[in-house]
């Protein structure tokens, strides 16, 4: 086989959809492996894992403030940095899965890492010698945790972050891998799966924010953290119980190498001129598996073959295929869409931090003997969404499908846009309620009911149903085979950057609004002295600006036609073999 054909097939084969394997490495059988039953067992991990992490994350600020004795603003930043790190580490989980371990083993290994973090948190919360002495943060000057006590806390916290971050993207991708996209019936079920995944998420969140948070408040954080550990253990049991029926996509080796090769090759040939007839002249364009697109044409230079003679050989760091280049183009194209969801997740950060403290300053009494834990207010949207998501899937999607012809009813980009518009009103509601709560507390000494802040959680939940699910579906369907877990992990990076931006905004706002006579909007531990309402108005303004920016980015984005349901793996192998035979060469070892 000549060098060009060999390199072309090798480059293209990196993006051929691998035949799925069973747990012993044998080809999967259609009637025994995959489908909704296998995906449901993966979603069992989804529900239990989110139950465990939500019970910790959504009430963590209370533990950090009251038990570890960090200031309110520092406690908020500890929580947002923790959650941000979880989602940033999802890139690690996606990379290890696609490159070396596969999604199943990545989830098993890091699931046990996360479980060990929950256990260590429970041990610290139970043993007084591992925490600072009891102290009332609102009326006393308390010594924050430091030294060995702080080390134990942060080690436990970031074991949870490492495990959860590495597990999350693989839950979505492994569940989606149970459906064969080349089968039209299975492909249609993929959209249903994404809605089912969000439903499992809602169930896990609801139980965490009601039952587990109530236990934390009534029986102590040690018991609450212990229940999180138990929930994670049940999730791992659900995952492992499906070992015999899963369709497993084998890892391919480093997924970053072909991307780096494109960038290096394009830079080394930056002075070359792209041919006008790209479909014929670019290396690897003979195969129509991945179509060439016109965006980012400077990357096409990586596909230009330098013709110095018949024996010319160029390494893969000098000459790439169209398939490799198009994958890099896809990654560059989705970055603006990804960036537009960061503000959305900055708003989520407020609902898990300042809104919990906002609820703590309100009347939580429901009956004479029962008080509502402030963190449980976050369960309101999930109570509604448990009913709304099935209606969306059962009523709206079939109706919209008749008009749009899309399996998902409306496109993922449209779904994201709806969510980004609606979320603005969550912060508008939060600002109005906080202004009323503060004025009532300061002027008339009246304490408002905690249910006043329910609308901001409800509006956000509805917006999240559109944005979060739309973003995951968008990234999964826009990735070529072999990078689905990694690109799905990018959706979680949006959460990460949103929470980090929240920490940055808090610090900047405090610095900019502080003066010689007092601190900034969020510098006190007393919300009656802070101006949280103005901070919410700032986020509402940033949100509406972000929405208009998204409208521009989504109009600019164009779908790659190659990312529609693909033919079976064997069909494409036959294409490559036919291409090889046209060159009068045969080398069966080239095709994996």
Protein backbone atom coordinates (compact mmCIF):
# COMPACT_ATOMS: atom_id res chain seq x y z
CA UNK A 1 0.00 0.00 0.00
CA UNK A 2 1.40 3.43 -0.88
CA UNK A 3 2.15 5.95 1.85
CA UNK A 4 -0.72 8.31 1.01
CA UNK A 5 -3.40 5.61 1.08
CA UNK A 6 -2.01 4.08 4.27
CA UNK A 7 -1.92 7.44 6.09
CA UNK A 8 -5.34 8.39 4.78
CA UNK A 9 -6.96 5.21 6.08
CA UNK A 10 -5.15 5.46 9.41
CA UNK A 11 -6.26 9.06 9.84
CA UNK A 12 -9.85 8.31 8.88
CA UNK A 13 -10.06 5.18 11.02
CA UNK A 14 -9.51 7.25 14.14
CA UNK A 15 -12.97 8.69 13.57
CA UNK A 16 -14.76 5.53 12.46
CA UNK A 17 -17.39 4.50 15.00
CA UNK A 18 -15.92 1.53 16.85
CA UNK A 19 -17.94 -1.65 17.02
CA UNK A 20 -19.18 -1.82 20.59
CA UNK A 21 -17.85 -4.63 22.77
CA UNK A 22 -19.33 -6.57 25.67
CA UNK A 23 -17.55 -6.93 29.00
CA UNK A 24 -15.30 -9.68 27.64
CA UNK A 25 -14.26 -7.70 24.57
CA UNK A 26 -16.51 -9.58 22.15
CA UNK A 27 -18.73 -7.85 19.55
CA UNK A 28 -22.11 -6.91 21.01
CA UNK A 29 -25.34 -8.64 20.00
CA UNK A 30 -28.30 -6.43 19.14
CA UNK A 31 -30.80 -8.50 21.13
CA UNK A 32 -28.63 -8.86 24.26
CA UNK A 33 -26.70 -5.64 24.70
CA UNK A 34 -27.62 -1.99 24.98
CA UNK A 35 -31.05 -0.41 24.72
CA UNK A 36 -33.13 1.42 27.30
CA UNK A 37 -32.75 -1.33 29.94
CA UNK A 38 -28.96 -0.96 29.97
CA UNK A 39 -29.26 2.83 29.90
CA UNK A 40 -31.65 2.70 32.88
CA UNK A 41 -29.01 1.00 35.02
CA UNK A 42 -26.58 3.78 34.14
CA UNK A 43 -29.25 6.31 35.08
CA UNK A 44 -29.48 4.58 38.45
CA UNK A 45 -25.95 5.85 39.08
CA UNK A 46 -27.03 9.25 37.77
CA UNK A 47 -29.87 9.51 40.30
CA UNK A 48 -27.92 8.22 43.32
CA UNK A 49 -24.72 10.16 42.52
CA UNK A 50 -26.55 13.47 42.11
CA UNK A 51 -28.47 12.67 45.29
CA UNK A 52 -25.19 12.25 47.18
CA UNK A 53 -23.36 15.26 45.75
CA UNK A 54 -26.39 17.59 45.87
CA UNK A 55 -27.01 16.85 49.54
CA UNK A 56 -23.42 17.90 50.24
CA UNK A 57 -23.06 20.80 47.83
CA UNK A 58 -26.39 22.52 48.37
CA UNK A 59 -26.06 22.65 52.17
CA UNK A 60 -22.27 22.84 52.32
CA UNK A 61 -22.23 26.59 52.94
CA UNK A 62 -24.11 26.01 56.22
CA UNK A 63 -21.49 23.47 57.38
CA UNK A 64 -18.53 25.62 56.29
CA UNK A 65 -19.97 28.75 57.95
CA UNK A 66 -21.37 27.27 61.17
CA UNK A 67 -18.99 24.36 61.82
CA UNK A 68 -15.71 25.31 60.12
CA UNK A 69 -16.16 29.02 61.01
CA UNK A 70 -15.13 30.65 57.73
CA UNK A 71 -16.65 34.07 56.94
CA UNK A 72 -19.81 34.22 54.81
CA UNK A 73 -18.09 35.48 51.64
CA UNK A 74 -15.21 32.99 52.06
CA UNK A 75 -17.69 30.18 52.72
CA UNK A 76 -19.53 31.07 49.51
CA UNK A 77 -16.26 31.03 47.60
CA UNK A 78 -15.24 27.66 49.12
CA UNK A 79 -18.54 26.18 47.91
CA UNK A 80 -18.37 27.73 44.44
CA UNK A 81 -14.71 26.71 44.01
CA UNK A 82 -15.58 23.17 45.11
CA UNK A 83 -18.45 22.87 42.65
CA UNK A 84 -16.38 24.57 39.96
CA UNK A 85 -13.57 22.07 40.47
CA UNK A 86 -16.01 19.15 40.14
CA UNK A 87 -17.06 20.30 36.71
CA UNK A 88 -13.55 21.27 35.59
CA UNK A 89 -12.31 17.79 36.48
CA UNK A 90 -14.94 16.36 34.15
CA UNK A 91 -12.43 17.04 31.36
CA UNK A 92 -10.06 14.60 33.07
CA UNK A 93 -12.79 11.98 33.27
CA UNK A 94 -13.72 12.45 29.61
CA UNK A 95 -10.08 12.29 28.50
CA UNK A 96 -9.27 9.13 30.49
CA UNK A 97 -12.44 7.46 29.26
CA UNK A 98 -11.99 8.15 25.55
CA UNK A 99 -8.22 7.60 25.59
CA UNK A 100 -7.40 4.79 27.99
CA UNK A 101 -9.99 3.36 30.39
CA UNK A 102 -13.37 3.39 28.64
CA UNK A 103 -16.43 4.98 30.25
CA UNK A 104 -17.42 1.97 32.39
CA UNK A 105 -14.08 1.50 34.17
CA UNK A 106 -13.64 5.27 34.56
CA UNK A 107 -16.95 5.40 36.43
CA UNK A 108 -16.13 2.41 38.62
CA UNK A 109 -12.65 3.63 39.64
CA UNK A 110 -13.57 7.25 40.31
CA UNK A 111 -16.92 6.28 41.83
CA UNK A 112 -15.02 4.63 44.66
CA UNK A 113 -12.78 7.72 44.97
CA UNK A 114 -15.91 9.84 45.43
CA UNK A 115 -17.29 7.36 47.96
CA UNK A 116 -14.10 7.61 50.03
CA UNK A 117 -14.47 11.41 50.12
CA UNK A 118 -18.03 11.18 51.46
CA UNK A 119 -16.90 8.76 54.16
CA UNK A 120 -14.05 11.07 55.24
CA UNK A 121 -16.42 14.07 55.40
CA UNK A 122 -18.77 12.06 57.59
CA UNK A 123 -15.92 11.06 59.92
CA UNK A 124 -14.77 14.68 60.31
CA UNK A 125 -18.29 15.94 60.95
CA UNK A 126 -18.73 13.24 63.61
CA UNK A 127 -15.48 13.73 65.56
CA UNK A 128 -15.27 17.05 67.50
CA UNK A 129 -11.45 16.89 67.60
CA UNK A 130 -11.38 17.27 63.80
CA UNK A 131 -13.38 20.54 63.88
CA UNK A 132 -12.93 23.96 65.54
CA UNK A 133 -14.64 24.46 68.94
CA UNK A 134 -18.34 25.27 68.90
CA UNK A 135 -18.98 28.99 68.36
CA UNK A 136 -21.83 31.27 67.20
CA UNK A 137 -20.61 33.01 64.04
CA UNK A 138 -23.35 35.67 64.15
CA UNK A 139 -22.57 36.93 67.65
CA UNK A 140 -19.00 35.87 68.41
CA UNK A 141 -15.55 36.20 66.89
CA UNK A 142 -14.84 32.59 65.96
CA UNK A 143 -11.54 30.98 65.04
CA UNK A 144 -11.75 29.33 61.57
CA UNK A 145 -10.49 25.82 60.94
CA UNK A 146 -6.78 25.65 60.21
CA UNK A 147 -3.86 23.25 60.26
CA UNK A 148 -4.67 19.55 60.36
CA UNK A 149 -8.41 20.18 60.69
CA UNK A 150 -8.48 22.28 57.52
CA UNK A 151 -6.34 19.73 55.67
CA UNK A 152 -8.72 16.89 56.52
CA UNK A 153 -11.68 18.99 55.38
CA UNK A 154 -10.19 20.01 52.04
CA UNK A 155 -8.77 16.54 51.29
CA UNK A 156 -12.22 15.01 51.85
CA UNK A 157 -13.90 17.75 49.84
CA UNK A 158 -11.62 17.40 46.85
CA UNK A 159 -11.68 13.60 46.87
CA UNK A 160 -15.41 14.06 46.32
CA UNK A 161 -14.68 16.64 43.60
CA UNK A 162 -12.18 14.36 41.82
CA UNK A 163 -14.53 11.40 41.87
CA UNK A 164 -17.69 13.25 40.94
CA UNK A 165 -16.02 15.27 38.20
CA UNK A 166 -14.58 12.17 36.54
CA UNK A 167 -17.83 10.22 36.80
CA UNK A 168 -20.30 12.82 35.52
CA UNK A 169 -19.50 13.04 31.77
CA UNK A 170 -19.21 9.28 31.51
CA UNK A 171 -22.69 8.69 32.93
CA UNK A 172 -24.20 10.65 30.05
CA UNK A 173 -21.94 9.29 27.31
CA UNK A 174 -22.04 5.65 28.49
CA UNK A 175 -25.83 5.75 28.69
CA UNK A 176 -26.05 7.30 25.21
CA UNK A 177 -23.65 4.66 23.87
CA UNK A 178 -26.29 2.03 24.62
CA UNK A 179 -28.17 3.24 21.52
CA UNK A 180 -26.96 2.64 17.96
CA UNK A 181 -27.13 5.94 16.10
CA UNK A 182 -27.05 4.18 12.73
CA UNK A 183 -30.43 2.57 13.54
CA UNK A 184 -33.24 5.16 12.95
CA UNK A 185 -35.41 3.68 15.72
CA UNK A 186 -32.53 3.68 18.22
CA UNK A 187 -31.46 7.16 17.11
CA UNK A 188 -34.92 8.52 17.93
CA UNK A 189 -34.66 7.01 21.42
CA UNK A 190 -31.47 8.99 22.03
CA UNK A 191 -33.40 12.24 22.54
CA UNK A 192 -35.75 10.40 24.92
CA UNK A 193 -32.70 9.17 26.83
CA UNK A 194 -31.40 12.72 27.39
CA UNK A 195 -34.77 13.75 28.82
CA UNK A 196 -34.80 10.58 30.97
CA UNK A 197 -31.31 11.47 32.22
CA UNK A 198 -32.57 14.89 33.29
CA UNK A 199 -35.58 13.25 34.97
CA UNK A 200 -33.21 11.00 36.96
CA UNK A 201 -31.23 14.12 37.83
CA UNK A 202 -34.40 15.82 39.10
CA UNK A 203 -35.39 12.81 41.22
CA UNK A 204 -31.92 12.69 42.79
CA UNK A 205 -31.91 16.42 43.46
CA UNK A 206 -35.41 16.33 44.96
CA UNK A 207 -34.57 13.54 47.43
CA UNK A 208 -31.29 15.26 48.34
CA UNK A 209 -32.91 18.64 48.94
CA UNK A 210 -35.80 17.28 51.00
CA UNK A 211 -34.97 14.03 52.81
CA UNK A 212 -31.16 14.30 53.06
CA UNK A 213 -31.04 18.03 53.84
CA UNK A 214 -33.77 17.54 56.47
CA UNK A 215 -31.69 14.75 58.04
CA UNK A 216 -28.60 17.00 57.99
CA UNK A 217 -30.55 19.75 59.77
CA UNK A 218 -32.25 17.46 62.30
CA UNK A 219 -29.65 14.76 62.99
CA UNK A 220 -26.39 16.50 62.14
CA UNK A 221 -24.09 16.83 59.17
CA UNK A 222 -22.24 13.62 60.08
CA UNK A 223 -25.40 11.57 59.53
CA UNK A 224 -26.18 13.58 56.40
CA UNK A 225 -22.73 12.98 54.91
CA UNK A 226 -23.06 9.31 55.84
CA UNK A 227 -26.32 9.09 53.88
CA UNK A 228 -24.54 10.65 50.90
CA UNK A 229 -21.96 7.86 51.15
CA UNK A 230 -24.75 5.27 51.26
CA UNK A 231 -26.44 6.81 48.20
CA UNK A 232 -23.16 6.71 46.27
CA UNK A 233 -22.68 3.06 47.19
CA UNK A 234 -26.17 2.25 45.85
CA UNK A 235 -25.34 4.10 42.63
CA UNK A 236 -22.21 2.02 42.12
CA UNK A 237 -24.23 -1.14 42.73
CA UNK A 238 -26.69 -0.08 40.02
CA UNK A 239 -23.86 0.60 37.57
CA UNK A 240 -22.02 -2.66 38.22
CA UNK A 241 -25.21 -4.73 38.00
CA UNK A 242 -25.43 -3.91 34.28
CA UNK A 243 -21.94 -5.16 33.42
CA UNK A 244 -23.22 -8.09 31.34
CA UNK A 245 -25.60 -6.03 29.16
CA UNK A 246 -23.61 -2.87 28.40
CA UNK A 247 -22.35 -1.83 24.99
CA UNK A 248 -18.81 -0.59 25.68
CA UNK A 249 -16.93 1.68 23.29
CA UNK A 250 -13.22 0.75 23.43
CA UNK A 251 -10.72 3.55 24.12
CA UNK A 252 -8.54 4.68 21.20
CA UNK A 253 -5.38 6.03 22.78
CA UNK A 254 -4.75 9.72 23.30
CA UNK A 255 -7.54 11.78 21.76
CA UNK A 256 -5.46 14.94 22.05
CA UNK A 257 -2.70 13.74 19.70
CA UNK A 258 -4.67 14.11 16.42
CA UNK A 259 -5.80 17.57 17.51
CA UNK A 260 -2.22 18.60 18.25
CA UNK A 261 -1.13 17.17 14.90
CA UNK A 262 -3.60 19.38 13.04
CA UNK A 263 -2.45 22.53 14.84
CA UNK A 264 1.24 21.73 14.30
CA UNK A 265 0.74 20.80 10.64
CA UNK A 266 -1.37 23.89 9.91
CA UNK A 267 1.23 26.15 11.53
CA UNK A 268 4.13 24.52 9.70
CA UNK A 269 2.33 25.04 6.36
CA UNK A 270 0.94 28.49 7.17
CA UNK A 271 2.54 29.95 4.02
CA UNK A 272 0.83 27.44 1.73
CA UNK A 273 -2.20 28.49 -0.30
CA UNK A 274 -5.37 26.41 0.09
CA UNK A 275 -6.56 24.95 -3.25
CA UNK A 276 -9.80 26.32 -4.67
CA UNK A 277 -11.09 22.80 -5.31
CA UNK A 278 -10.81 21.59 -1.71
CA UNK A 279 -12.90 18.46 -2.17
CA UNK A 280 -10.37 16.96 -4.53
CA UNK A 281 -7.05 18.44 -3.50
CA UNK A 282 -7.06 18.05 0.29
CA UNK A 283 -5.50 14.91 1.76
CA UNK A 284 -8.15 12.45 2.90
CA UNK A 285 -11.01 14.06 0.99
CA UNK A 286 -11.42 10.93 -1.14
CA UNK A 287 -13.52 9.40 1.63
CA UNK A 288 -16.86 11.17 2.13
CA UNK A 289 -17.36 9.90 5.68
CA UNK A 290 -16.53 13.33 7.08
CA UNK A 291 -17.41 16.21 4.79
CA UNK A 292 -15.17 19.18 4.33
CA UNK A 293 -16.54 22.54 5.53
CA UNK A 294 -15.40 26.07 4.67
CA UNK A 295 -15.04 27.50 8.20
CA UNK A 296 -11.58 27.98 9.69
CA UNK A 297 -9.98 27.41 6.30
CA UNK A 298 -6.53 28.13 7.72
CA UNK A 299 -6.68 24.65 9.28
CA UNK A 300 -7.11 23.11 5.82
CA UNK A 301 -3.44 23.79 5.23
CA UNK A 302 -2.72 20.79 7.46
CA UNK A 303 -4.20 18.64 4.64
CA UNK A 304 -2.07 20.04 1.82
CA UNK A 305 0.35 17.48 0.46
CA UNK A 306 3.67 18.95 -0.67
CA UNK A 307 4.48 17.34 -4.01
CA UNK A 308 8.29 17.23 -4.19
CA UNK A 309 8.48 13.82 -5.83
CA UNK A 310 6.83 10.40 -6.01
CA UNK A 311 8.73 9.13 -2.96
CA UNK A 312 7.80 12.07 -0.71
CA UNK A 313 6.79 10.96 2.75
CA UNK A 314 5.26 13.32 5.29
CA UNK A 315 4.76 12.42 8.93
CA UNK A 316 1.39 12.67 10.62
CA UNK A 317 2.67 15.87 12.27
CA UNK A 318 3.07 17.43 8.83
CA UNK A 319 0.14 15.97 6.90
CA UNK A 320 -3.33 15.33 8.36
CA UNK A 321 -6.62 14.10 6.92
CA UNK A 322 -9.84 16.03 6.40
CA UNK A 323 -11.45 14.00 9.21
CA UNK A 324 -8.86 15.18 11.72
CA UNK A 325 -9.17 18.79 10.61
CA UNK A 326 -12.96 18.73 10.72
CA UNK A 327 -12.90 17.45 14.31
CA UNK A 328 -10.76 20.42 15.32
CA UNK A 329 -13.14 22.72 13.43
CA UNK A 330 -16.07 21.25 15.36
CA UNK A 331 -14.34 21.92 18.68
CA UNK A 332 -13.58 25.53 17.68
CA UNK A 333 -17.15 26.01 16.45
CA UNK A 334 -18.82 24.88 19.68
CA UNK A 335 -16.66 27.03 21.97
CA UNK A 336 -18.82 30.20 21.50
CA UNK A 337 -21.97 28.20 22.35
CA UNK A 338 -20.19 26.79 25.39
CA UNK A 339 -19.08 30.30 26.48
CA UNK A 340 -22.65 31.64 26.33
CA UNK A 341 -23.76 29.23 29.08
CA UNK A 342 -21.20 30.40 31.65
CA UNK A 343 -23.37 33.28 32.95
CA UNK A 344 -26.25 30.81 33.25
CA UNK A 345 -24.20 28.71 35.67
CA UNK A 346 -23.00 31.78 37.54
CA UNK A 347 -26.67 32.32 38.39
CA UNK A 348 -26.91 28.69 39.53
CA UNK A 349 -24.01 29.40 41.91
CA UNK A 350 -26.05 32.12 43.63
CA UNK A 351 -28.97 29.77 44.20
CA UNK A 352 -26.64 27.33 45.98
CA UNK A 353 -24.92 29.96 48.13
CA UNK A 354 -26.41 33.40 48.74
CA UNK A 355 -30.00 32.27 48.18
CA UNK A 356 -29.54 29.62 50.90
CA UNK A 357 -28.32 32.34 53.28
CA UNK A 358 -31.17 34.53 52.08
CA UNK A 359 -33.58 31.80 53.18
CA UNK A 360 -31.79 31.51 56.53
CA UNK A 361 -32.70 35.14 57.24
CA UNK A 362 -36.41 34.47 56.63
CA UNK A 363 -39.20 32.75 58.53
CA UNK A 364 -38.71 29.01 58.01
CA UNK A 365 -41.53 27.91 60.35
CA UNK A 366 -44.07 25.74 58.52
CA UNK A 367 -45.85 24.28 61.56
CA UNK A 368 -45.28 24.63 65.28
CA UNK A 369 -42.90 21.68 65.26
CA UNK A 370 -41.41 21.80 61.75
CA UNK A 371 -39.06 24.29 60.13
CA UNK A 372 -38.08 24.20 56.47
CA UNK A 373 -34.31 23.83 55.95
CA UNK A 374 -33.32 26.81 53.72
CA UNK A 375 -31.41 24.55 51.34
CA UNK A 376 -34.60 22.56 50.73
CA UNK A 377 -36.08 25.52 48.83
CA UNK A 378 -33.96 24.34 45.92
CA UNK A 379 -36.23 21.28 45.73
CA UNK A 380 -39.16 23.39 44.47
CA UNK A 381 -38.15 23.39 40.79
CA UNK A 382 -37.45 19.66 40.87
CA UNK A 383 -40.87 18.89 42.34
CA UNK A 384 -42.42 20.76 39.40
CA UNK A 385 -39.99 19.32 36.84
CA UNK A 386 -40.73 15.72 37.82
CA UNK A 387 -44.15 16.39 36.28
CA UNK A 388 -43.05 18.83 33.55
CA UNK A 389 -40.27 16.69 32.01
CA UNK A 390 -42.59 13.73 31.19
CA UNK A 391 -45.09 16.24 29.72
CA UNK A 392 -42.33 17.80 27.66
CA UNK A 393 -41.26 14.39 26.32
CA UNK A 394 -44.77 12.95 25.90
CA UNK A 395 -46.69 15.98 24.63
CA UNK A 396 -44.45 18.80 23.44
CA UNK A 397 -41.80 16.73 21.59
CA UNK A 398 -44.29 14.70 19.45
CA UNK A 399 -46.24 17.88 18.65
CA UNK A 400 -43.15 19.88 17.76
CA UNK A 401 -41.78 16.94 15.76
CA UNK A 402 -44.74 17.22 13.37
CA UNK A 403 -43.80 20.81 12.53
CA UNK A 404 -40.00 20.65 12.61
CA UNK A 405 -39.31 17.06 11.55
CA UNK A 406 -36.61 16.81 14.25
CA UNK A 407 -36.44 13.77 16.53
CA UNK A 408 -35.97 16.04 19.56
CA UNK A 409 -38.89 18.34 18.64
CA UNK A 410 -36.79 21.50 18.58
CA UNK A 411 -33.09 21.68 17.90
CA UNK A 412 -30.64 21.66 20.82
CA UNK A 413 -29.60 25.23 19.92
CA UNK A 414 -33.20 26.45 20.14
CA UNK A 415 -33.62 24.66 23.45
CA UNK A 416 -30.50 26.31 24.89
CA UNK A 417 -31.70 29.74 23.74
CA UNK A 418 -35.07 29.40 25.48
CA UNK A 419 -33.34 28.53 28.75
CA UNK A 420 -30.88 31.44 28.51
CA UNK A 421 -33.73 33.88 28.02
CA UNK A 422 -35.90 32.54 30.86
CA UNK A 423 -33.08 32.44 33.44
CA UNK A 424 -32.87 36.25 33.47
CA UNK A 425 -36.21 36.41 35.23
CA UNK A 426 -34.87 34.21 38.03
CA UNK A 427 -32.44 36.96 39.04
CA UNK A 428 -35.09 39.66 38.55
CA UNK A 429 -37.34 37.78 40.98
CA UNK A 430 -34.44 37.25 43.41
CA UNK A 431 -33.55 40.96 43.38
CA UNK A 432 -37.13 42.11 43.97
CA UNK A 433 -37.68 39.66 46.83
CA UNK A 434 -34.34 40.45 48.51
CA UNK A 435 -35.10 44.17 48.38
CA UNK A 436 -38.49 43.55 50.01
CA UNK A 437 -36.99 41.17 52.60
CA UNK A 438 -34.24 43.63 53.54
CA UNK A 439 -36.57 46.62 53.80
CA UNK A 440 -39.03 44.63 55.89
CA UNK A 441 -36.31 43.44 58.26
CA UNK A 442 -34.59 46.83 58.64
CA UNK A 443 -37.56 49.23 58.60
CA UNK A 444 -40.44 47.32 60.15
CA UNK A 445 -38.57 44.44 61.84
CA UNK A 446 -40.81 42.02 59.94
CA UNK A 447 -39.47 38.66 58.83
CA UNK A 448 -40.85 37.44 55.51
CA UNK A 449 -41.83 33.83 54.89
CA UNK A 450 -39.18 31.72 53.17
CA UNK A 451 -41.69 30.93 50.42
CA UNK A 452 -41.12 34.42 48.99
CA UNK A 453 -37.89 33.16 47.42
CA UNK A 454 -39.56 30.12 45.84
CA UNK A 455 -40.18 31.83 42.43
CA UNK A 456 -36.48 32.39 41.75
CA UNK A 457 -35.82 28.66 42.18
CA UNK A 458 -38.85 27.66 40.11
CA UNK A 459 -37.94 29.93 37.18
CA UNK A 460 -34.37 28.68 37.21
CA UNK A 461 -35.54 25.05 37.19
CA UNK A 462 -37.64 25.64 34.08
CA UNK A 463 -34.75 27.37 32.33
CA UNK A 464 -32.38 24.55 33.31
CA UNK A 465 -34.68 21.96 31.74
CA UNK A 466 -34.09 23.69 28.41
CA UNK A 467 -30.48 24.80 28.70
CA UNK A 468 -28.82 21.88 30.51
CA UNK A 469 -30.44 19.11 28.47
CA UNK A 470 -30.06 21.05 25.22
CA UNK A 471 -26.36 21.63 25.86
CA UNK A 472 -25.61 17.97 26.64
CA UNK A 473 -27.53 16.78 23.57
CA UNK A 474 -25.81 19.42 21.41
CA UNK A 475 -22.30 18.44 22.47
CA UNK A 476 -22.91 14.68 22.24
CA UNK A 477 -24.49 14.83 18.76
CA UNK A 478 -21.90 17.29 17.43
CA UNK A 479 -18.92 15.11 18.33
CA UNK A 480 -17.42 12.49 16.07
CA UNK A 481 -16.96 9.01 17.43
CA UNK A 482 -14.11 8.64 19.91
CA UNK A 483 -14.46 12.06 21.54
CA UNK A 484 -18.02 11.93 22.88
CA UNK A 485 -17.15 11.65 26.57
CA UNK A 486 -14.56 14.42 26.23
CA UNK A 487 -16.91 16.81 24.45
CA UNK A 488 -19.74 15.93 26.85
CA UNK A 489 -17.32 16.90 29.62
CA UNK A 490 -17.12 20.36 28.07
CA UNK A 491 -20.74 20.92 29.07
CA UNK A 492 -19.71 20.43 32.68
CA UNK A 493 -16.84 22.86 32.22
CA UNK A 494 -19.49 25.49 31.65
CA UNK A 495 -20.64 24.82 35.22
CA UNK A 496 -17.05 25.08 36.38
CA UNK A 497 -16.38 28.42 34.74
CA UNK A 498 -19.75 29.70 35.94
CA UNK A 499 -18.93 28.93 39.57
CA UNK A 500 -15.41 30.32 39.26
CA UNK A 501 -16.86 33.48 37.68
CA UNK A 502 -19.21 33.73 40.65
CA UNK A 503 -16.25 33.76 43.05
CA UNK A 504 -14.50 36.36 40.90
CA UNK A 505 -17.61 38.55 40.72
CA UNK A 506 -18.08 38.44 44.49
CA UNK A 507 -14.50 39.58 45.02
CA UNK A 508 -14.66 42.27 42.33
CA UNK A 509 -18.01 43.61 43.52
CA UNK A 510 -16.74 43.85 47.09
CA UNK A 511 -13.60 45.63 45.94
CA UNK A 512 -15.34 48.07 43.59
CA UNK A 513 -18.24 48.94 45.92
CA UNK A 514 -16.20 49.28 49.12
CA UNK A 515 -15.23 52.73 50.39
CA UNK A 516 -13.65 54.40 53.40
CA UNK A 517 -16.90 54.40 55.36
CA UNK A 518 -17.70 50.72 54.96
CA UNK A 519 -17.38 47.47 53.07
CA UNK A 520 -18.86 46.44 49.73
CA UNK A 521 -22.20 44.96 48.77
CA UNK A 522 -21.29 41.47 50.04
CA UNK A 523 -18.59 42.15 52.64
CA UNK A 524 -20.59 41.61 55.85
CA UNK A 525 -21.84 38.39 57.42
CA UNK A 526 -25.24 40.08 57.87
CA UNK A 527 -27.51 40.23 54.81
CA UNK A 528 -29.42 43.12 56.36
CA UNK A 529 -26.25 45.22 56.01
CA UNK A 530 -25.22 43.79 52.61
CA UNK A 531 -26.81 44.75 49.29
CA UNK A 532 -27.45 41.32 47.83
CA UNK A 533 -30.36 42.76 45.84
CA UNK A 534 -28.02 44.99 43.82
CA UNK A 535 -25.77 42.02 43.13
CA UNK A 536 -28.78 40.11 41.80
CA UNK A 537 -29.68 43.06 39.53
CA UNK A 538 -26.11 43.00 38.18
CA UNK A 539 -26.48 39.31 37.31
CA UNK A 540 -29.85 39.95 35.62
CA UNK A 541 -28.23 42.59 33.42
CA UNK A 542 -25.32 40.30 32.55
CA UNK A 543 -27.79 37.53 31.73
CA UNK A 544 -29.82 39.52 29.20
CA UNK A 545 -26.62 40.77 27.52
CA UNK A 546 -25.42 37.17 27.36
CA UNK A 547 -28.71 36.10 25.72
CA UNK A 548 -28.29 38.56 22.84
CA UNK A 549 -24.70 37.41 22.45
CA UNK A 550 -25.98 33.83 22.20
CA UNK A 551 -28.41 34.80 19.43
CA UNK A 552 -25.45 36.00 17.37
CA UNK A 553 -23.32 32.90 18.12
CA UNK A 554 -26.11 30.43 17.38
CA UNK A 555 -26.85 32.08 14.01
CA UNK A 556 -23.16 31.87 13.16
CA UNK A 557 -22.91 28.16 14.02
CA UNK A 558 -23.64 25.64 11.28
CA UNK A 559 -24.10 21.89 11.76
CA UNK A 560 -21.59 19.61 10.06
CA UNK A 561 -23.64 17.38 7.69
CA UNK A 562 -21.42 14.42 8.60
CA UNK A 563 -22.89 14.34 12.11
CA UNK A 564 -26.21 12.89 11.10
CA UNK A 565 -26.83 9.22 11.93
CA UNK A 566 -23.96 7.27 10.40
CA UNK A 567 -23.95 4.02 8.47
CA UNK A 568 -22.93 0.86 10.30
CA UNK A 569 -19.29 0.42 11.13
CA UNK A 570 -18.87 -2.47 8.72
CA UNK A 571 -20.24 -0.38 5.84
CA UNK A 572 -17.61 2.26 6.32
CA UNK A 573 -14.87 -0.34 6.64
CA UNK A 574 -16.03 -1.65 3.28
CA UNK A 575 -15.75 1.90 1.88
CA UNK A 576 -12.16 2.13 3.05
CA UNK A 577 -11.36 -1.32 1.72
CA UNK A 578 -12.89 -0.37 -1.64
CA UNK A 579 -10.77 2.76 -1.69
CA UNK A 580 -7.69 0.66 -0.97
CA UNK A 581 -8.50 -1.83 -3.70
CA UNK A 582 -8.83 0.99 -6.22
CA UNK A 583 -5.14 1.60 -5.58
CA UNK A 584 -4.48 -2.10 -6.28
CA UNK A 585 -3.23 -2.75 -2.75
CA UNK A 586 -4.50 -4.88 0.12
CA UNK A 587 -3.50 -4.54 3.77
CA UNK A 588 -6.08 -5.93 6.17
CA UNK A 589 -4.07 -4.81 9.18
CA UNK A 590 -4.69 -1.14 8.47
CA UNK A 591 -8.33 -1.27 9.57
CA UNK A 592 -8.75 -1.84 13.32
